[in-house]
Amino acid sequence: MQHVQAIPVKNLHHKSVQSVITQFAAIHLLTNREAEIIGLIALHGYSNKEIADHCNISEKTVKVHIDKIMDKVGTRSMRKLLAAIISNAV
């Protein structure tokens, strides 16, 4: 099992985390909306309803975007998606 160096949360800045998400989105050819959605999940822990409210779209549309993100990344698990984002940063 690979050892991952812990990064203290206080050292993570919103700007650097956002740049990680932007880079991740570029690697996986995510649309701007898909990148926005993974940012809301990764940075704020938003639920599908919270994402829908924030983006002024339906929850069903959020689910469609999440399904497309999962397909592009090659996972069906939110935990694995978040792990992939973090691995991209390390």
C-alpha atoms as a PDB file:
ATOM      1  CA  MET A   1       0.000   0.000   0.000  1.00  0.00           C
ATOM      2  CA  GLN A   2       1.363   3.397  -0.961  1.00  0.00           C
ATOM      3  CA  HIS A   3       2.005   5.881   1.836  1.00  0.00           C
ATOM      4  CA  VAL A   4       0.474   9.286   1.261  1.00  0.00           C
ATOM      5  CA  GLN A   5       1.918  12.249   3.104  1.00  0.00           C
ATOM      6  CA  ALA A   6      -0.700  14.006   5.207  1.00  0.00           C
ATOM      7  CA  ILE A   7      -1.228  17.646   4.372  1.00  0.00           C
ATOM      8  CA  PRO A   8      -2.489  19.670   7.333  1.00  0.00           C
ATOM      9  CA  VAL A   9      -5.884  21.156   6.511  1.00  0.00           C
ATOM     10  CA  LYS A  10      -4.773  24.603   7.674  1.00  0.00           C
ATOM     11  CA  ASN A  11      -2.125  24.586   4.897  1.00  0.00           C
ATOM     12  CA  LEU A  12      -4.696  24.041   2.161  1.00  0.00           C
ATOM     13  CA  HIS A  13      -5.898  27.259   0.621  1.00  0.00           C
ATOM     14  CA  HIS A  14      -9.144  27.535  -1.317  1.00  0.00           C
ATOM     15  CA  LYS A  15      -7.213  28.840  -4.323  1.00  0.00           C
ATOM     16  CA  SER A  16      -4.787  25.905  -4.404  1.00  0.00           C
ATOM     17  CA  VAL A  17      -7.597  23.379  -3.969  1.00  0.00           C
ATOM     18  CA  GLN A  18      -9.523  25.070  -6.772  1.00  0.00           C
ATOM     19  CA  SER A  19      -6.468  24.838  -9.027  1.00  0.00           C
ATOM     20  CA  VAL A  20      -6.251  21.103  -8.282  1.00  0.00           C
ATOM     21  CA  ILE A  21      -9.889  20.734  -9.316  1.00  0.00           C
ATOM     22  CA  THR A  22      -9.272  22.791 -12.470  1.00  0.00           C
ATOM     23  CA  GLN A  23      -6.283  20.622 -13.381  1.00  0.00           C
ATOM     24  CA  PHE A  24      -8.261  17.446 -12.650  1.00  0.00           C
ATOM     25  CA  ALA A  25     -11.097  18.703 -14.854  1.00  0.00           C
ATOM     26  CA  ALA A  26      -8.686  19.424 -17.717  1.00  0.00           C
ATOM     27  CA  ILE A  27      -7.090  15.972 -17.490  1.00  0.00           C
ATOM     28  CA  HIS A  28     -10.492  14.255 -17.599  1.00  0.00           C
ATOM     29  CA  LEU A  29     -11.994  16.615 -20.196  1.00  0.00           C
ATOM     30  CA  LEU A  30     -14.767  17.781 -17.879  1.00  0.00           C
ATOM     31  CA  THR A  31     -17.041  20.611 -18.951  1.00  0.00           C
ATOM     32  CA  ASN A  32     -17.089  23.850 -16.967  1.00  0.00           C
ATOM     33  CA  ARG A  33     -20.354  22.780 -15.312  1.00  0.00           C
ATOM     34  CA  GLU A  34     -18.927  19.361 -14.399  1.00  0.00           C
ATOM     35  CA  ALA A  35     -15.847  21.039 -12.917  1.00  0.00           C
ATOM     36  CA  GLU A  36     -18.087  23.402 -10.955  1.00  0.00           C
ATOM     37  CA  ILE A  37     -20.060  20.458  -9.590  1.00  0.00           C
ATOM     38  CA  ILE A  38     -17.004  18.487  -8.434  1.00  0.00           C
ATOM     39  CA  GLY A  39     -15.738  21.690  -6.818  1.00  0.00           C
ATOM     40  CA  LEU A  40     -18.984  22.096  -4.886  1.00  0.00           C
ATOM     41  CA  ILE A  41     -18.763  18.486  -3.754  1.00  0.00           C
ATOM     42  CA  ALA A  42     -15.046  18.463  -2.911  1.00  0.00           C
ATOM     43  CA  LEU A  43     -14.783  21.941  -1.373  1.00  0.00           C
ATOM     44  CA  HIS A  44     -18.153  22.278   0.318  1.00  0.00           C
ATOM     45  CA  GLY A  45     -19.578  18.762   0.585  1.00  0.00           C
ATOM     46  CA  TYR A  46     -22.779  19.890  -1.117  1.00  0.00           C
ATOM     47  CA  SER A  47     -25.615  17.417  -1.588  1.00  0.00           C
ATOM     48  CA  ASN A  48     -27.304  17.033  -4.956  1.00  0.00           C
ATOM     49  CA  LYS A  49     -30.098  19.340  -3.774  1.00  0.00           C
ATOM     50  CA  GLU A  50     -27.631  21.984  -2.594  1.00  0.00           C
ATOM     51  CA  ILE A  51     -25.802  21.778  -5.932  1.00  0.00           C
ATOM     52  CA  ALA A  52     -29.098  22.090  -7.804  1.00  0.00           C
ATOM     53  CA  ASP A  53     -30.070  25.162  -5.766  1.00  0.00           C
ATOM     54  CA  HIS A  54     -26.631  26.751  -6.161  1.00  0.00           C
ATOM     55  CA  CYS A  55     -26.518  26.174  -9.945  1.00  0.00           C
ATOM     56  CA  ASN A  56     -30.229  26.838 -10.579  1.00  0.00           C
ATOM     57  CA  ILE A  57     -30.724  23.420 -12.172  1.00  0.00           C
ATOM     58  CA  SER A  58     -32.815  20.380 -11.223  1.00  0.00           C
ATOM     59  CA  GLU A  59     -31.558  17.565  -9.021  1.00  0.00           C
ATOM     60  CA  LYS A  60     -32.044  15.220 -11.963  1.00  0.00           C
ATOM     61  CA  THR A  61     -29.674  17.379 -14.036  1.00  0.00           C
ATOM     62  CA  VAL A  62     -27.134  17.272 -11.188  1.00  0.00           C
ATOM     63  CA  LYS A  63     -27.343  13.463 -11.203  1.00  0.00           C
ATOM     64  CA  VAL A  64     -26.817  13.411 -14.977  1.00  0.00           C
ATOM     65  CA  HIS A  65     -23.717  15.621 -14.599  1.00  0.00           C
ATOM     66  CA  ILE A  66     -22.364  13.399 -11.803  1.00  0.00           C
ATOM     67  CA  ASP A  67     -22.949  10.284 -13.937  1.00  0.00           C
ATOM     68  CA  LYS A  68     -21.035  11.886 -16.823  1.00  0.00           C
ATOM     69  CA  ILE A  69     -18.185  12.859 -14.462  1.00  0.00           C
ATOM     70  CA  MET A  70     -18.017   9.304 -13.116  1.00  0.00           C
ATOM     71  CA  ASP A  71     -17.929   7.902 -16.668  1.00  0.00           C
ATOM     72  CA  LYS A  72     -15.114  10.244 -17.705  1.00  0.00           C
ATOM     73  CA  VAL A  73     -13.078   9.460 -14.578  1.00  0.00           C
ATOM     74  CA  GLY A  74     -13.823   5.731 -14.770  1.00  0.00           C
ATOM     75  CA  THR A  75     -15.453   5.196 -11.400  1.00  0.00           C
ATOM     76  CA  ARG A  76     -18.928   4.685  -9.982  1.00  0.00           C
ATOM     77  CA  SER A  77     -18.040   5.676  -6.425  1.00  0.00           C
ATOM     78  CA  MET A  78     -18.056   9.196  -4.986  1.00  0.00           C
ATOM     79  CA  ARG A  79     -15.315   8.165  -2.559  1.00  0.00           C
ATOM     80  CA  LYS A  80     -13.117   6.980  -5.409  1.00  0.00           C
ATOM     81  CA  LEU A  81     -13.848  10.163  -7.332  1.00  0.00           C
ATOM     82  CA  LEU A  82     -12.727  12.273  -4.362  1.00  0.00           C
ATOM     83  CA  ALA A  83      -9.688  10.022  -3.899  1.00  0.00           C
ATOM     84  CA  ALA A  84      -8.788  10.554  -7.572  1.00  0.00           C
ATOM     85  CA  ILE A  85      -8.984  14.329  -7.111  1.00  0.00           C
ATOM     86  CA  ILE A  86      -6.743  14.150  -4.044  1.00  0.00           C
ATOM     87  CA  SER A  87      -4.284  11.773  -5.779  1.00  0.00           C
ATOM     88  CA  ASN A  88      -4.025  14.257  -8.619  1.00  0.00           C
ATOM     89  CA  ALA A  89      -2.892  16.894  -6.112  1.00  0.00           C
ATOM     90  CA  VAL A  90      -0.142  14.827  -4.543  1.00  0.00           C
END
